Amino acid sequence: MDKETAAFLVADIARDVLRDVAPAELPIFGPASKAYFHNPAVALKEAHAKDSVLGFGMDLLPVLLTPVVLHILSQVLEILEDIATKALTESLRQEIPQILKSMFRKFYSPATDKPPILTREQVALVRANVLTAAKKQRVPLQKAEALADSIVAKLVLQ
């Protein structure tokens, strides 16, 4: 996920979280989140800056939660992105056989399958790979080209 999209998502969720846990910070949420995304380390350091009254260690201002929530949610988003990537990978792994089948005319059905995903360039790449593999197996050039043409003819073009 790109930085801008992640920042928007984190900020959107953080606003909801702050509404629950620190509603008094909502009026400063915009500038505080902008400062956080500009420089997270500085924003976090400033969030924990504490003033002491007469040197007795009593906090004059509580910790500013906005940068802390943004930081925590940024980390949570990374974890969730990893989980989503793994789930998507597994889901795609299960769909790959059907996608591969739909690339061949024999199995492709315009009524039920998504539009073919092979471009002319991709088909040309497949053909070149067939010719290379046939050459490595010492198939005569005329037979190799017939083989490549036959395989390409079985594929579905966009």
N, C-alpha and C. Protein backbone atom coordinates (compact mmCIF):
# COMPACT_ATOMS: atom_id res chain seq x y z
N MET A 1 0.85 -1.16 0.00
CA MET A 1 0.00 0.00 0.00
C MET A 1 0.91 1.23 0.00
N ASP A 2 0.56 2.23 -0.80
CA ASP A 2 1.40 3.41 -0.84
C ASP A 2 1.22 4.23 0.44
N LYS A 3 2.20 5.11 0.71
CA LYS A 3 2.23 5.88 1.96
C LYS A 3 0.99 6.74 2.14
N GLU A 4 0.56 7.38 1.09
CA GLU A 4 -0.58 8.30 1.18
C GLU A 4 -1.86 7.55 1.53
N THR A 5 -2.09 6.42 0.90
CA THR A 5 -3.28 5.62 1.19
C THR A 5 -3.23 5.09 2.63
N ALA A 6 -2.06 4.63 3.04
CA ALA A 6 -1.92 4.12 4.41
C ALA A 6 -2.16 5.24 5.42
N ALA A 7 -1.61 6.41 5.15
CA ALA A 7 -1.79 7.54 6.07
C ALA A 7 -3.27 7.93 6.17
N PHE A 8 -3.96 7.94 5.05
CA PHE A 8 -5.38 8.28 5.06
C PHE A 8 -6.17 7.26 5.88
N LEU A 9 -5.88 5.99 5.67
CA LEU A 9 -6.58 4.93 6.39
C LEU A 9 -6.29 5.00 7.89
N VAL A 10 -5.03 5.17 8.25
CA VAL A 10 -4.65 5.27 9.65
C VAL A 10 -5.33 6.48 10.30
N ALA A 11 -5.30 7.62 9.63
CA ALA A 11 -5.91 8.83 10.18
C ALA A 11 -7.42 8.67 10.35
N ASP A 12 -8.05 8.06 9.39
CA ASP A 12 -9.50 7.86 9.45
C ASP A 12 -9.89 6.98 10.65
N ILE A 13 -9.15 5.92 10.85
CA ILE A 13 -9.44 5.02 11.97
C ILE A 13 -9.05 5.68 13.30
N ALA A 14 -7.93 6.39 13.30
CA ALA A 14 -7.47 7.07 14.52
C ALA A 14 -8.51 8.08 15.01
N ARG A 15 -9.13 8.78 14.09
CA ARG A 15 -10.16 9.75 14.47
C ARG A 15 -11.28 9.05 15.23
N ASP A 16 -11.68 7.88 14.75
CA ASP A 16 -12.74 7.12 15.44
C ASP A 16 -12.29 6.64 16.81
N VAL A 17 -11.05 6.18 16.89
CA VAL A 17 -10.51 5.71 18.16
C VAL A 17 -10.46 6.87 19.16
N LEU A 18 -9.97 8.01 18.72
CA LEU A 18 -9.88 9.17 19.61
C LEU A 18 -11.26 9.64 20.06
N ARG A 19 -12.23 9.50 19.21
CA ARG A 19 -13.61 9.85 19.58
C ARG A 19 -14.04 9.01 20.80
N ASP A 20 -13.52 7.78 20.88
CA ASP A 20 -13.85 6.90 22.00
C ASP A 20 -13.00 7.17 23.23
N VAL A 21 -11.69 7.36 23.03
CA VAL A 21 -10.78 7.40 24.19
C VAL A 21 -10.29 8.79 24.59
N ALA A 22 -10.31 9.74 23.67
CA ALA A 22 -9.84 11.09 23.99
C ALA A 22 -10.56 12.13 23.13
N PRO A 23 -11.88 12.26 23.32
CA PRO A 23 -12.65 13.17 22.47
C PRO A 23 -12.19 14.63 22.55
N ALA A 24 -11.53 15.00 23.63
CA ALA A 24 -11.06 16.38 23.77
C ALA A 24 -9.97 16.71 22.74
N GLU A 25 -9.32 15.68 22.17
CA GLU A 25 -8.26 15.91 21.18
C GLU A 25 -8.78 16.06 19.76
N LEU A 26 -10.05 15.82 19.53
CA LEU A 26 -10.59 15.90 18.17
C LEU A 26 -10.38 17.27 17.52
N PRO A 27 -10.52 18.40 18.25
CA PRO A 27 -10.30 19.69 17.61
C PRO A 27 -8.87 19.89 17.09
N ILE A 28 -7.89 19.23 17.69
CA ILE A 28 -6.50 19.37 17.23
C ILE A 28 -6.04 18.19 16.38
N PHE A 29 -6.97 17.30 16.06
CA PHE A 29 -6.59 16.08 15.33
C PHE A 29 -5.95 16.40 13.99
N GLY A 30 -6.53 17.31 13.23
CA GLY A 30 -5.99 17.65 11.90
C GLY A 30 -4.53 18.07 11.95
N PRO A 31 -4.21 19.13 12.70
CA PRO A 31 -2.80 19.55 12.77
C PRO A 31 -1.89 18.49 13.41
N ALA A 32 -2.39 17.80 14.43
CA ALA A 32 -1.56 16.79 15.10
C ALA A 32 -1.26 15.63 14.17
N SER A 33 -2.23 15.19 13.39
CA SER A 33 -1.98 14.08 12.47
C SER A 33 -1.07 14.52 11.33
N LYS A 34 -1.25 15.75 10.87
CA LYS A 34 -0.37 16.27 9.82
C LYS A 34 1.08 16.30 10.32
N ALA A 35 1.26 16.77 11.56
CA ALA A 35 2.60 16.81 12.15
C ALA A 35 3.17 15.40 12.30
N TYR A 36 2.32 14.46 12.70
CA TYR A 36 2.79 13.08 12.87
C TYR A 36 3.27 12.50 11.54
N PHE A 37 2.46 12.64 10.51
CA PHE A 37 2.83 12.04 9.22
C PHE A 37 4.01 12.77 8.58
N HIS A 38 4.22 14.04 8.96
CA HIS A 38 5.39 14.77 8.45
C HIS A 38 6.67 14.23 9.09
N ASN A 39 6.62 14.01 10.42
CA ASN A 39 7.80 13.50 11.12
C ASN A 39 7.34 12.74 12.37
N PRO A 40 7.08 11.44 12.23
CA PRO A 40 6.56 10.65 13.35
C PRO A 40 7.41 10.71 14.61
N ALA A 41 8.73 10.66 14.48
CA ALA A 41 9.60 10.64 15.67
C ALA A 41 9.46 11.92 16.48
N VAL A 42 9.44 13.04 15.81
CA VAL A 42 9.31 14.33 16.50
C VAL A 42 7.93 14.44 17.15
N ALA A 43 6.90 14.04 16.42
CA ALA A 43 5.54 14.13 16.96
C ALA A 43 5.38 13.25 18.20
N LEU A 44 5.96 12.07 18.17
CA LEU A 44 5.89 11.19 19.35
C LEU A 44 6.66 11.76 20.52
N LYS A 45 7.82 12.33 20.24
CA LYS A 45 8.63 12.92 21.31
C LYS A 45 7.87 14.08 21.95
N GLU A 46 7.26 14.91 21.14
CA GLU A 46 6.51 16.05 21.66
C GLU A 46 5.27 15.59 22.41
N ALA A 47 4.70 14.46 22.01
CA ALA A 47 3.51 13.95 22.70
C ALA A 47 3.85 13.54 24.12
N HIS A 48 5.08 13.14 24.36
CA HIS A 48 5.49 12.68 25.69
C HIS A 48 6.21 13.76 26.49
N ALA A 49 6.34 14.96 25.91
CA ALA A 49 6.99 16.05 26.65
C ALA A 49 6.11 16.40 27.84
N LYS A 50 6.73 16.44 29.01
CA LYS A 50 5.95 16.68 30.23
C LYS A 50 6.49 17.90 30.95
N ASP A 51 5.59 18.69 31.44
CA ASP A 51 5.97 19.84 32.26
C ASP A 51 5.74 19.48 33.71
N SER A 52 6.63 19.88 34.56
CA SER A 52 6.47 19.60 35.99
C SER A 52 6.10 20.89 36.71
N VAL A 53 5.22 20.75 37.67
CA VAL A 53 4.82 21.89 38.48
C VAL A 53 5.77 21.97 39.67
N LEU A 54 6.51 23.06 39.76
CA LEU A 54 7.41 23.32 40.88
C LEU A 54 8.41 22.19 41.13
N GLY A 55 8.72 21.42 40.11
CA GLY A 55 9.73 20.39 40.25
C GLY A 55 9.29 19.18 41.05
N PHE A 56 8.00 19.04 41.31
CA PHE A 56 7.53 17.88 42.09
C PHE A 56 7.16 16.70 41.20
N GLY A 57 7.34 16.84 39.90
CA GLY A 57 7.06 15.73 39.00
C GLY A 57 5.60 15.56 38.68
N MET A 58 4.77 16.51 38.97
CA MET A 58 3.35 16.39 38.64
C MET A 58 3.15 16.89 37.22
N ASP A 59 2.43 16.15 36.43
CA ASP A 59 2.21 16.52 35.05
C ASP A 59 1.21 17.67 34.95
N LEU A 60 1.63 18.71 34.25
CA LEU A 60 0.73 19.82 34.00
C LEU A 60 -0.20 19.46 32.85
N LEU A 61 0.36 18.80 31.85
CA LEU A 61 -0.42 18.38 30.68
C LEU A 61 -0.34 16.87 30.55
N PRO A 62 -1.46 16.23 30.26
CA PRO A 62 -1.40 14.79 30.04
C PRO A 62 -0.72 14.49 28.70
N VAL A 63 -0.38 13.24 28.49
CA VAL A 63 0.23 12.82 27.23
C VAL A 63 -0.78 13.07 26.10
N LEU A 64 -0.29 13.64 25.01
CA LEU A 64 -1.13 13.85 23.84
C LEU A 64 -1.27 12.50 23.13
N LEU A 65 -2.49 12.00 23.05
CA LEU A 65 -2.70 10.65 22.51
C LEU A 65 -2.72 10.58 20.98
N THR A 66 -3.03 11.66 20.31
CA THR A 66 -3.17 11.60 18.85
C THR A 66 -1.95 10.98 18.17
N PRO A 67 -0.72 11.47 18.41
CA PRO A 67 0.42 10.84 17.74
C PRO A 67 0.64 9.39 18.17
N VAL A 68 0.35 9.10 19.44
CA VAL A 68 0.51 7.74 19.94
C VAL A 68 -0.46 6.80 19.23
N VAL A 69 -1.71 7.22 19.11
CA VAL A 69 -2.72 6.40 18.42
C VAL A 69 -2.34 6.23 16.95
N LEU A 70 -1.89 7.31 16.31
CA LEU A 70 -1.47 7.22 14.90
C LEU A 70 -0.30 6.24 14.75
N HIS A 71 0.64 6.30 15.68
CA HIS A 71 1.80 5.40 15.63
C HIS A 71 1.37 3.94 15.81
N ILE A 72 0.55 3.70 16.81
CA ILE A 72 0.09 2.34 17.07
C ILE A 72 -0.72 1.81 15.90
N LEU A 73 -1.61 2.63 15.36
CA LEU A 73 -2.42 2.18 14.22
C LEU A 73 -1.56 1.95 12.98
N SER A 74 -0.49 2.70 12.82
CA SER A 74 0.42 2.46 11.69
C SER A 74 1.04 1.08 11.81
N GLN A 75 1.41 0.70 13.03
CA GLN A 75 1.97 -0.63 13.25
C GLN A 75 0.91 -1.71 13.05
N VAL A 76 -0.30 -1.44 13.53
CA VAL A 76 -1.39 -2.40 13.36
C VAL A 76 -1.68 -2.59 11.87
N LEU A 77 -1.65 -1.49 11.11
CA LEU A 77 -1.91 -1.58 9.67
C LEU A 77 -0.88 -2.46 8.98
N GLU A 78 0.39 -2.37 9.41
CA GLU A 78 1.42 -3.22 8.82
C GLU A 78 1.12 -4.70 9.08
N ILE A 79 0.68 -5.00 10.31
CA ILE A 79 0.34 -6.39 10.65
C ILE A 79 -0.85 -6.85 9.82
N LEU A 80 -1.87 -6.01 9.73
CA LEU A 80 -3.06 -6.37 8.97
C LEU A 80 -2.77 -6.50 7.48
N GLU A 81 -1.87 -5.65 6.98
CA GLU A 81 -1.49 -5.74 5.57
C GLU A 81 -0.80 -7.08 5.29
N ASP A 82 0.03 -7.51 6.22
CA ASP A 82 0.70 -8.80 6.08
C ASP A 82 -0.33 -9.94 6.10
N ILE A 83 -1.29 -9.86 7.02
CA ILE A 83 -2.34 -10.87 7.10
C ILE A 83 -3.17 -10.88 5.82
N ALA A 84 -3.53 -9.68 5.32
CA ALA A 84 -4.33 -9.59 4.10
C ALA A 84 -3.56 -10.12 2.90
N THR A 85 -2.27 -9.84 2.85
CA THR A 85 -1.44 -10.33 1.74
C THR A 85 -1.40 -11.85 1.74
N LYS A 86 -1.21 -12.43 2.93
CA LYS A 86 -1.19 -13.89 3.02
C LYS A 86 -2.53 -14.49 2.64
N ALA A 87 -3.62 -13.87 3.08
CA ALA A 87 -4.96 -14.37 2.75
C ALA A 87 -5.22 -14.26 1.26
N LEU A 88 -4.82 -13.14 0.68
CA LEU A 88 -5.02 -12.94 -0.75
C LEU A 88 -4.17 -13.92 -1.55
N THR A 89 -2.94 -14.12 -1.11
CA THR A 89 -2.06 -15.07 -1.79
C THR A 89 -2.67 -16.47 -1.77
N GLU A 90 -3.19 -16.87 -0.61
CA GLU A 90 -3.81 -18.19 -0.50
C GLU A 90 -5.06 -18.27 -1.39
N SER A 91 -5.84 -17.23 -1.38
CA SER A 91 -7.04 -17.20 -2.20
C SER A 91 -6.69 -17.29 -3.69
N LEU A 92 -5.68 -16.53 -4.09
CA LEU A 92 -5.25 -16.57 -5.49
C LEU A 92 -4.67 -17.93 -5.84
N ARG A 93 -3.94 -18.52 -4.89
CA ARG A 93 -3.37 -19.84 -5.14
C ARG A 93 -4.47 -20.84 -5.47
N GLN A 94 -5.61 -20.69 -4.82
CA GLN A 94 -6.72 -21.59 -5.08
C GLN A 94 -7.39 -21.29 -6.41
N GLU A 95 -7.33 -20.03 -6.85
CA GLU A 95 -7.96 -19.64 -8.11
C GLU A 95 -7.08 -19.86 -9.33
N ILE A 96 -5.78 -19.97 -9.11
CA ILE A 96 -4.84 -20.07 -10.23
C ILE A 96 -5.17 -21.20 -11.20
N PRO A 97 -5.49 -22.41 -10.73
CA PRO A 97 -5.81 -23.46 -11.71
C PRO A 97 -6.96 -23.08 -12.65
N GLN A 98 -7.99 -22.44 -12.11
CA GLN A 98 -9.12 -22.03 -12.95
C GLN A 98 -8.70 -20.92 -13.91
N ILE A 99 -7.88 -20.00 -13.43
CA ILE A 99 -7.39 -18.92 -14.30
C ILE A 99 -6.54 -19.51 -15.42
N LEU A 100 -5.67 -20.46 -15.07
CA LEU A 100 -4.83 -21.09 -16.09
C LEU A 100 -5.69 -21.82 -17.13
N LYS A 101 -6.69 -22.54 -16.66
CA LYS A 101 -7.59 -23.24 -17.59
C LYS A 101 -8.26 -22.25 -18.53
N SER A 102 -8.70 -21.11 -18.00
CA SER A 102 -9.43 -20.15 -18.83
C SER A 102 -8.56 -19.49 -19.89
N MET A 103 -7.24 -19.67 -19.79
CA MET A 103 -6.34 -19.11 -20.80
C MET A 103 -6.32 -19.95 -22.07
N PHE A 104 -6.86 -21.15 -21.97
CA PHE A 104 -6.91 -22.03 -23.15
C PHE A 104 -8.33 -22.05 -23.69
N ARG A 105 -8.44 -21.92 -25.00
CA ARG A 105 -9.75 -21.88 -25.66
C ARG A 105 -10.63 -23.08 -25.31
N LYS A 106 -10.01 -24.22 -25.16
CA LYS A 106 -10.75 -25.45 -24.88
C LYS A 106 -11.61 -25.32 -23.63
N PHE A 107 -11.11 -24.59 -22.65
CA PHE A 107 -11.82 -24.47 -21.38
C PHE A 107 -12.49 -23.12 -21.17
N TYR A 108 -12.16 -22.13 -22.02
CA TYR A 108 -12.67 -20.77 -21.83
C TYR A 108 -14.14 -20.68 -22.22
N SER A 109 -14.90 -20.07 -21.35
CA SER A 109 -16.31 -19.84 -21.62
C SER A 109 -16.62 -18.36 -21.39
N PRO A 110 -16.89 -17.60 -22.45
CA PRO A 110 -17.17 -16.17 -22.27
C PRO A 110 -18.35 -15.92 -21.32
N ALA A 111 -19.24 -16.88 -21.22
CA ALA A 111 -20.41 -16.70 -20.36
C ALA A 111 -20.06 -16.78 -18.88
N THR A 112 -19.05 -17.59 -18.54
CA THR A 112 -18.75 -17.78 -17.12
C THR A 112 -17.38 -17.25 -16.70
N ASP A 113 -16.43 -17.16 -17.62
CA ASP A 113 -15.09 -16.72 -17.26
C ASP A 113 -14.92 -15.22 -17.44
N LYS A 114 -13.96 -14.68 -16.71
CA LYS A 114 -13.59 -13.28 -16.88
C LYS A 114 -12.95 -13.16 -18.26
N PRO A 115 -12.88 -11.94 -18.79
CA PRO A 115 -12.23 -11.77 -20.10
C PRO A 115 -10.81 -12.32 -20.06
N PRO A 116 -10.34 -12.86 -21.18
CA PRO A 116 -8.99 -13.42 -21.24
C PRO A 116 -7.96 -12.40 -20.76
N ILE A 117 -6.92 -12.89 -20.14
CA ILE A 117 -5.95 -11.96 -19.59
C ILE A 117 -4.62 -11.94 -20.36
N LEU A 118 -4.54 -12.66 -21.43
CA LEU A 118 -3.29 -12.69 -22.19
C LEU A 118 -3.29 -11.64 -23.30
N THR A 119 -2.28 -10.79 -23.27
CA THR A 119 -2.12 -9.80 -24.34
C THR A 119 -1.33 -10.45 -25.48
N ARG A 120 -1.29 -9.78 -26.59
CA ARG A 120 -0.50 -10.30 -27.72
C ARG A 120 0.97 -10.42 -27.33
N GLU A 121 1.46 -9.47 -26.54
CA GLU A 121 2.85 -9.51 -26.11
C GLU A 121 3.11 -10.74 -25.23
N GLN A 122 2.16 -11.06 -24.36
CA GLN A 122 2.32 -12.23 -23.49
C GLN A 122 2.28 -13.52 -24.29
N VAL A 123 1.42 -13.56 -25.27
CA VAL A 123 1.36 -14.75 -26.14
C VAL A 123 2.66 -14.88 -26.91
N ALA A 124 3.21 -13.77 -27.37
CA ALA A 124 4.50 -13.81 -28.07
C ALA A 124 5.60 -14.32 -27.13
N LEU A 125 5.53 -13.94 -25.88
CA LEU A 125 6.50 -14.43 -24.90
C LEU A 125 6.35 -15.94 -24.71
N VAL A 126 5.13 -16.42 -24.63
CA VAL A 126 4.89 -17.86 -24.50
C VAL A 126 5.48 -18.57 -25.72
N ARG A 127 5.22 -18.04 -26.90
CA ARG A 127 5.72 -18.66 -28.14
C ARG A 127 7.24 -18.71 -28.13
N ALA A 128 7.87 -17.60 -27.73
CA ALA A 128 9.34 -17.55 -27.69
C ALA A 128 9.89 -18.58 -26.70
N ASN A 129 9.22 -18.73 -25.58
CA ASN A 129 9.67 -19.72 -24.58
C ASN A 129 9.50 -21.14 -25.09
N VAL A 130 8.43 -21.39 -25.83
CA VAL A 130 8.23 -22.73 -26.40
C VAL A 130 9.36 -23.03 -27.39
N LEU A 131 9.68 -22.05 -28.24
CA LEU A 131 10.76 -22.25 -29.22
C LEU A 131 12.10 -22.49 -28.52
N THR A 132 12.37 -21.74 -27.46
CA THR A 132 13.61 -21.91 -26.71
C THR A 132 13.68 -23.30 -26.08
N ALA A 133 12.58 -23.71 -25.45
CA ALA A 133 12.55 -25.02 -24.80
C ALA A 133 12.69 -26.14 -25.84
N ALA A 134 12.04 -25.98 -26.98
CA ALA A 134 12.15 -27.00 -28.03
C ALA A 134 13.57 -27.08 -28.57
N LYS A 135 14.20 -25.93 -28.72
CA LYS A 135 15.59 -25.91 -29.21
C LYS A 135 16.50 -26.64 -28.23
N LYS A 136 16.28 -26.40 -26.91
CA LYS A 136 17.10 -27.07 -25.88
C LYS A 136 16.90 -28.58 -25.92
N GLN A 137 15.72 -29.02 -26.36
CA GLN A 137 15.44 -30.45 -26.45
C GLN A 137 15.80 -31.01 -27.83
N ARG A 138 16.45 -30.17 -28.64
CA ARG A 138 16.92 -30.55 -29.98
C ARG A 138 15.79 -30.94 -30.92
N VAL A 139 14.66 -30.28 -30.78
CA VAL A 139 13.55 -30.49 -31.72
C VAL A 139 13.90 -29.72 -32.99
N PRO A 140 13.73 -30.32 -34.15
CA PRO A 140 14.03 -29.61 -35.41
C PRO A 140 13.20 -28.31 -35.49
N LEU A 141 13.78 -27.28 -36.10
CA LEU A 141 13.17 -25.95 -36.14
C LEU A 141 11.75 -25.97 -36.70
N GLN A 142 11.52 -26.68 -37.78
CA GLN A 142 10.19 -26.73 -38.39
C GLN A 142 9.18 -27.33 -37.40
N LYS A 143 9.55 -28.40 -36.71
CA LYS A 143 8.68 -29.02 -35.71
C LYS A 143 8.48 -28.10 -34.51
N ALA A 144 9.56 -27.41 -34.10
CA ALA A 144 9.48 -26.49 -32.96
C ALA A 144 8.50 -25.36 -33.26
N GLU A 145 8.57 -24.82 -34.46
CA GLU A 145 7.65 -23.74 -34.84
C GLU A 145 6.21 -24.25 -34.92
N ALA A 146 6.02 -25.47 -35.42
CA ALA A 146 4.68 -26.05 -35.49
C ALA A 146 4.14 -26.25 -34.07
N LEU A 147 5.02 -26.71 -33.19
CA LEU A 147 4.63 -26.90 -31.79
C LEU A 147 4.25 -25.57 -31.14
N ALA A 148 5.08 -24.55 -31.33
CA ALA A 148 4.82 -23.22 -30.77
C ALA A 148 3.51 -22.65 -31.33
N ASP A 149 3.32 -22.78 -32.63
CA ASP A 149 2.08 -22.27 -33.25
C ASP A 149 0.85 -23.00 -32.71
N SER A 150 0.97 -24.29 -32.52
CA SER A 150 -0.15 -25.07 -32.01
C SER A 150 -0.52 -24.65 -30.60
N ILE A 151 0.50 -24.48 -29.76
CA ILE A 151 0.23 -24.06 -28.38
C ILE A 151 -0.37 -22.68 -28.33
N VAL A 152 0.19 -21.74 -29.09
CA VAL A 152 -0.32 -20.38 -29.13
C VAL A 152 -1.76 -20.34 -29.65
N ALA A 153 -2.04 -21.18 -30.62
CA ALA A 153 -3.41 -21.23 -31.19
C ALA A 153 -4.43 -21.69 -30.16
N LYS A 154 -3.97 -22.39 -29.17
CA LYS A 154 -4.88 -22.89 -28.13
C LYS A 154 -5.16 -21.85 -27.04
N LEU A 155 -4.37 -20.77 -27.05
CA LEU A 155 -4.55 -19.74 -26.03
C LEU A 155 -5.63 -18.73 -26.45
N VAL A 156 -6.19 -18.09 -25.45
CA VAL A 156 -7.22 -17.07 -25.69
C VAL A 156 -6.57 -15.70 -25.58
N LEU A 157 -6.74 -14.89 -26.60
CA LEU A 157 -6.20 -13.54 -26.61
C LEU A 157 -7.23 -12.54 -26.09
N GLN A 158 -6.72 -11.41 -25.61
CA GLN A 158 -7.64 -10.31 -25.21
C GLN A 158 -8.28 -9.76 -26.46
